[in-house]
Amino acid sequence: MEEWSVSPFAKETVTVYLAGEIKTNWRDAIIDGVKVLGLPVKFSTAQQHHESSDKCGTRILGHEEKRFWEDRKSQGLNSMRNKMLIKDCDILVARFVDRETFPQWEVAFEAGYAAALGKPIIIMHPPEYDHMLKEPDAYAQAVANTPEQVVAILRYVLKGEL
């Protein structure tokens, strides 16, 4: 059986979109793990700077008196950016965490958009959320509990190595 020393894909680099909360270092753990293994991966993600995400609309398009319209301007720009990044990605990793700490609607929307586009999805969440996330998990090609498992999945998918 042949073992891949390079990616078996026509693309030299695979793009992985990282969707989920921005308060912990889970993205860094995945990125660092991929770098250590030398996997041919580049990453994309939604805006990680909270204020930039919230204020991009009014800073670019002008001040709004009502918060609704301020949010609407920023949401439109962020949506445009995220849709382009998800459309261009090869794999989406969606991290779900405690819904009381971090609302899940954004990551759910990004995962749903990726699913609608036929993108492969890796969902990451703690085992205690297995029941709560059974429907999103059913759409995913893999469900992981840790960043290390995501890295191992990428290693296998991209190089055929365990």
C-alpha atoms as a PDB file:
ATOM      1  CA  MET A   1       0.000   0.000   0.000  1.00  0.00           C
ATOM      2  CA  GLU A   2       1.392   3.377  -1.031  1.00  0.00           C
ATOM      3  CA  GLU A   3       2.044   5.949   1.674  1.00  0.00           C
ATOM      4  CA  TRP A   4       1.649   9.561   0.551  1.00  0.00           C
ATOM      5  CA  SER A   5       4.710  11.708   1.084  1.00  0.00           C
ATOM      6  CA  VAL A   6       2.922  14.708  -0.413  1.00  0.00           C
ATOM      7  CA  SER A   7      -0.698  15.621  -0.840  1.00  0.00           C
ATOM      8  CA  PRO A   8      -2.518  13.254  -3.232  1.00  0.00           C
ATOM      9  CA  PHE A   9      -4.624  16.216  -4.355  1.00  0.00           C
ATOM     10  CA  ALA A  10      -4.122  18.296  -7.475  1.00  0.00           C
ATOM     11  CA  LYS A  11      -3.869  21.366  -5.246  1.00  0.00           C
ATOM     12  CA  GLU A  12      -0.539  21.858  -3.538  1.00  0.00           C
ATOM     13  CA  THR A  13      -2.144  23.654  -0.605  1.00  0.00           C
ATOM     14  CA  VAL A  14      -5.481  22.955   1.041  1.00  0.00           C
ATOM     15  CA  THR A  15      -7.415  25.812   2.669  1.00  0.00           C
ATOM     16  CA  VAL A  16      -9.109  25.140   6.000  1.00  0.00           C
ATOM     17  CA  TYR A  17     -11.663  27.643   7.315  1.00  0.00           C
ATOM     18  CA  LEU A  18     -11.812  27.759  11.127  1.00  0.00           C
ATOM     19  CA  ALA A  19     -15.301  28.686  12.392  1.00  0.00           C
ATOM     20  CA  GLY A  20     -16.156  29.264  16.039  1.00  0.00           C
ATOM     21  CA  GLU A  21     -15.559  31.324  19.139  1.00  0.00           C
ATOM     22  CA  ILE A  22     -12.663  33.769  19.338  1.00  0.00           C
ATOM     23  CA  LYS A  23     -11.953  33.786  23.086  1.00  0.00           C
ATOM     24  CA  THR A  24      -9.680  30.732  23.376  1.00  0.00           C
ATOM     25  CA  ASN A  25      -6.593  29.538  21.515  1.00  0.00           C
ATOM     26  CA  TRP A  26      -8.114  26.494  19.771  1.00  0.00           C
ATOM     27  CA  ARG A  27      -7.224  27.934  16.349  1.00  0.00           C
ATOM     28  CA  ASP A  28      -3.584  28.349  17.363  1.00  0.00           C
ATOM     29  CA  ALA A  29      -3.458  24.745  18.575  1.00  0.00           C
ATOM     30  CA  ILE A  30      -4.649  23.499  15.168  1.00  0.00           C
ATOM     31  CA  ILE A  31      -2.387  25.855  13.204  1.00  0.00           C
ATOM     32  CA  ASP A  32       0.655  24.950  15.328  1.00  0.00           C
ATOM     33  CA  GLY A  33      -0.070  21.223  15.028  1.00  0.00           C
ATOM     34  CA  VAL A  34      -0.334  21.464  11.247  1.00  0.00           C
ATOM     35  CA  LYS A  35       2.938  23.431  11.083  1.00  0.00           C
ATOM     36  CA  VAL A  36       4.769  20.838  13.196  1.00  0.00           C
ATOM     37  CA  LEU A  37       3.650  18.109  10.781  1.00  0.00           C
ATOM     38  CA  GLY A  38       4.473  20.209   7.724  1.00  0.00           C
ATOM     39  CA  LEU A  39       1.032  19.695   6.224  1.00  0.00           C
ATOM     40  CA  PRO A  40       0.220  21.697   3.066  1.00  0.00           C
ATOM     41  CA  VAL A  41      -2.503  23.789   4.706  1.00  0.00           C
ATOM     42  CA  LYS A  42      -3.338  27.470   4.813  1.00  0.00           C
ATOM     43  CA  PHE A  43      -6.038  28.793   7.100  1.00  0.00           C
ATOM     44  CA  SER A  44      -8.819  31.335   6.854  1.00  0.00           C
ATOM     45  CA  THR A  45     -11.330  32.512   9.419  1.00  0.00           C
ATOM     46  CA  ALA A  46     -13.876  35.167  10.242  1.00  0.00           C
ATOM     47  CA  GLN A  47     -12.611  38.478  11.619  1.00  0.00           C
ATOM     48  CA  GLN A  48     -10.984  37.712  14.980  1.00  0.00           C
ATOM     49  CA  HIS A  49     -10.798  41.286  16.266  1.00  0.00           C
ATOM     50  CA  HIS A  50     -14.183  41.861  17.898  1.00  0.00           C
ATOM     51  CA  GLU A  51     -14.253  45.650  17.568  1.00  0.00           C
ATOM     52  CA  SER A  52     -13.249  45.518  13.894  1.00  0.00           C
ATOM     53  CA  SER A  53     -16.035  43.041  13.242  1.00  0.00           C
ATOM     54  CA  ASP A  54     -18.607  45.163  15.074  1.00  0.00           C
ATOM     55  CA  LYS A  55     -17.544  48.557  13.721  1.00  0.00           C
ATOM     56  CA  CYS A  56     -16.391  47.854  10.134  1.00  0.00           C
ATOM     57  CA  GLY A  57     -19.713  48.991   8.668  1.00  0.00           C
ATOM     58  CA  THR A  58     -19.817  52.414  10.245  1.00  0.00           C
ATOM     59  CA  ARG A  59     -16.094  53.026   9.887  1.00  0.00           C
ATOM     60  CA  ILE A  60     -16.324  52.339   6.159  1.00  0.00           C
ATOM     61  CA  LEU A  61     -19.892  53.415   5.310  1.00  0.00           C
ATOM     62  CA  GLY A  62     -20.595  56.106   7.881  1.00  0.00           C
ATOM     63  CA  HIS A  63     -22.110  56.620  11.320  1.00  0.00           C
ATOM     64  CA  GLU A  64     -25.568  55.342  12.260  1.00  0.00           C
ATOM     65  CA  GLU A  65     -27.702  56.644  15.108  1.00  0.00           C
ATOM     66  CA  LYS A  66     -29.464  53.344  15.758  1.00  0.00           C
ATOM     67  CA  ARG A  67     -27.579  50.229  16.804  1.00  0.00           C
ATOM     68  CA  PHE A  68     -29.716  48.088  14.483  1.00  0.00           C
ATOM     69  CA  TRP A  69     -28.424  49.917  11.390  1.00  0.00           C
ATOM     70  CA  GLU A  70     -24.867  49.993  12.730  1.00  0.00           C
ATOM     71  CA  ASP A  71     -25.008  46.221  13.185  1.00  0.00           C
ATOM     72  CA  ARG A  72     -26.675  45.765   9.789  1.00  0.00           C
ATOM     73  CA  LYS A  73     -23.862  47.586   7.981  1.00  0.00           C
ATOM     74  CA  SER A  74     -21.174  45.525   9.730  1.00  0.00           C
ATOM     75  CA  GLN A  75     -23.089  42.277   9.313  1.00  0.00           C
ATOM     76  CA  GLY A  76     -23.309  42.838   5.586  1.00  0.00           C
ATOM     77  CA  LEU A  77     -19.560  43.369   5.229  1.00  0.00           C
ATOM     78  CA  ASN A  78     -18.682  40.454   7.513  1.00  0.00           C
ATOM     79  CA  SER A  79     -21.154  38.207   5.714  1.00  0.00           C
ATOM     80  CA  MET A  80     -19.619  39.100   2.354  1.00  0.00           C
ATOM     81  CA  ARG A  81     -16.118  38.365   3.662  1.00  0.00           C
ATOM     82  CA  ASN A  82     -17.063  35.094   5.349  1.00  0.00           C
ATOM     83  CA  LYS A  83     -19.060  33.802   2.368  1.00  0.00           C
ATOM     84  CA  MET A  84     -16.083  34.387   0.085  1.00  0.00           C
ATOM     85  CA  LEU A  85     -13.703  32.642   2.489  1.00  0.00           C
ATOM     86  CA  ILE A  86     -16.018  29.664   3.009  1.00  0.00           C
ATOM     87  CA  LYS A  87     -16.655  29.349  -0.723  1.00  0.00           C
ATOM     88  CA  ASP A  88     -12.886  29.238  -1.320  1.00  0.00           C
ATOM     89  CA  CYS A  89     -12.073  26.778   1.468  1.00  0.00           C
ATOM     90  CA  ASP A  90     -11.532  23.052   0.961  1.00  0.00           C
ATOM     91  CA  ILE A  91     -12.512  21.983   4.494  1.00  0.00           C
ATOM     92  CA  LEU A  92     -14.395  23.797   7.257  1.00  0.00           C
ATOM     93  CA  VAL A  93     -13.725  23.146  10.936  1.00  0.00           C
ATOM     94  CA  ALA A  94     -16.636  24.264  13.142  1.00  0.00           C
ATOM     95  CA  ARG A  95     -15.994  24.497  16.878  1.00  0.00           C
ATOM     96  CA  PHE A  96     -19.051  24.431  19.105  1.00  0.00           C
ATOM     97  CA  VAL A  97     -18.652  25.317  22.778  1.00  0.00           C
ATOM     98  CA  ASP A  98     -20.887  26.003  25.751  1.00  0.00           C
ATOM     99  CA  ARG A  99     -23.865  27.885  24.346  1.00  0.00           C
ATOM    100  CA  GLU A 100     -24.139  29.966  27.522  1.00  0.00           C
ATOM    101  CA  THR A 101     -20.569  31.219  27.112  1.00  0.00           C
ATOM    102  CA  PHE A 102     -20.653  31.692  23.349  1.00  0.00           C
ATOM    103  CA  PRO A 103     -23.812  31.885  21.236  1.00  0.00           C
ATOM    104  CA  GLN A 104     -23.735  29.226  18.539  1.00  0.00           C
ATOM    105  CA  TRP A 105     -25.673  30.897  15.718  1.00  0.00           C
ATOM    106  CA  GLU A 106     -22.634  32.236  13.845  1.00  0.00           C
ATOM    107  CA  VAL A 107     -20.730  28.956  13.759  1.00  0.00           C
ATOM    108  CA  ALA A 108     -23.941  27.091  12.946  1.00  0.00           C
ATOM    109  CA  PHE A 109     -24.599  29.419  10.031  1.00  0.00           C
ATOM    110  CA  GLU A 110     -21.039  29.058   8.722  1.00  0.00           C
ATOM    111  CA  ALA A 111     -21.222  25.258   8.984  1.00  0.00           C
ATOM    112  CA  GLY A 112     -24.635  25.257   7.308  1.00  0.00           C
ATOM    113  CA  TYR A 113     -23.367  27.429   4.469  1.00  0.00           C
ATOM    114  CA  ALA A 114     -20.399  25.098   3.991  1.00  0.00           C
ATOM    115  CA  ALA A 115     -22.747  22.097   3.985  1.00  0.00           C
ATOM    116  CA  ALA A 116     -24.947  23.766   1.370  1.00  0.00           C
ATOM    117  CA  LEU A 117     -21.849  24.271  -0.791  1.00  0.00           C
ATOM    118  CA  GLY A 118     -20.887  20.607  -0.373  1.00  0.00           C
ATOM    119  CA  LYS A 119     -17.718  21.405   1.596  1.00  0.00           C
ATOM    120  CA  PRO A 120     -16.259  18.719   3.858  1.00  0.00           C
ATOM    121  CA  ILE A 121     -16.868  19.610   7.512  1.00  0.00           C
ATOM    122  CA  ILE A 122     -15.102  18.649  10.712  1.00  0.00           C
ATOM    123  CA  ILE A 123     -17.128  19.551  13.802  1.00  0.00           C
ATOM    124  CA  MET A 124     -15.295  19.915  17.100  1.00  0.00           C
ATOM    125  CA  HIS A 125     -17.049  19.912  20.455  1.00  0.00           C
ATOM    126  CA  PRO A 126     -16.768  18.257  23.870  1.00  0.00           C
ATOM    127  CA  PRO A 127     -18.322  14.768  24.191  1.00  0.00           C
ATOM    128  CA  GLU A 128     -21.018  16.065  26.540  1.00  0.00           C
ATOM    129  CA  TYR A 129     -22.546  17.930  23.551  1.00  0.00           C
ATOM    130  CA  ASP A 130     -22.957  14.780  21.437  1.00  0.00           C
ATOM    131  CA  HIS A 131     -26.721  14.655  21.932  1.00  0.00           C
ATOM    132  CA  MET A 132     -27.290  18.408  21.644  1.00  0.00           C
ATOM    133  CA  LEU A 133     -25.350  18.562  18.350  1.00  0.00           C
ATOM    134  CA  LYS A 134     -26.493  15.273  16.813  1.00  0.00           C
ATOM    135  CA  GLU A 135     -28.039  16.974  13.767  1.00  0.00           C
ATOM    136  CA  PRO A 136     -25.014  19.138  12.865  1.00  0.00           C
ATOM    137  CA  ASP A 137     -22.773  16.137  13.574  1.00  0.00           C
ATOM    138  CA  ALA A 138     -24.781  14.089  11.069  1.00  0.00           C
ATOM    139  CA  TYR A 139     -23.830  16.553   8.287  1.00  0.00           C
ATOM    140  CA  ALA A 140     -20.140  16.462   9.161  1.00  0.00           C
ATOM    141  CA  GLN A 141     -17.642  14.033   7.722  1.00  0.00           C
ATOM    142  CA  ALA A 142     -15.892  13.887  11.110  1.00  0.00           C
ATOM    143  CA  VAL A 143     -16.587  14.883  14.704  1.00  0.00           C
ATOM    144  CA  ALA A 144     -13.588  15.637  16.925  1.00  0.00           C
ATOM    145  CA  ASN A 145     -13.297  16.607  20.569  1.00  0.00           C
ATOM    146  CA  THR A 146      -9.880  18.288  20.545  1.00  0.00           C
ATOM    147  CA  PRO A 147      -7.638  20.373  18.273  1.00  0.00           C
ATOM    148  CA  GLU A 148      -5.176  17.460  18.283  1.00  0.00           C
ATOM    149  CA  GLN A 149      -7.824  15.196  16.773  1.00  0.00           C
ATOM    150  CA  VAL A 150      -8.521  17.798  14.076  1.00  0.00           C
ATOM    151  CA  VAL A 151      -4.801  17.877  13.244  1.00  0.00           C
ATOM    152  CA  ALA A 152      -4.731  14.054  13.099  1.00  0.00           C
ATOM    153  CA  ILE A 153      -7.755  14.091  10.757  1.00  0.00           C
ATOM    154  CA  LEU A 154      -6.032  16.593   8.473  1.00  0.00           C
ATOM    155  CA  ARG A 155      -2.855  14.500   8.505  1.00  0.00           C
ATOM    156  CA  TYR A 156      -4.774  11.407   7.460  1.00  0.00           C
ATOM    157  CA  VAL A 157      -6.896  13.165   4.837  1.00  0.00           C
ATOM    158  CA  LEU A 158      -3.961  15.030   3.301  1.00  0.00           C
ATOM    159  CA  LYS A 159      -1.164  12.477   3.613  1.00  0.00           C
ATOM    160  CA  GLY A 160      -2.827   9.161   4.323  1.00  0.00           C
ATOM    161  CA  GLU A 161      -0.816   8.860   7.532  1.00  0.00           C
ATOM    162  CA  LEU A 162      -2.105   7.799  10.906  1.00  0.00           C
END
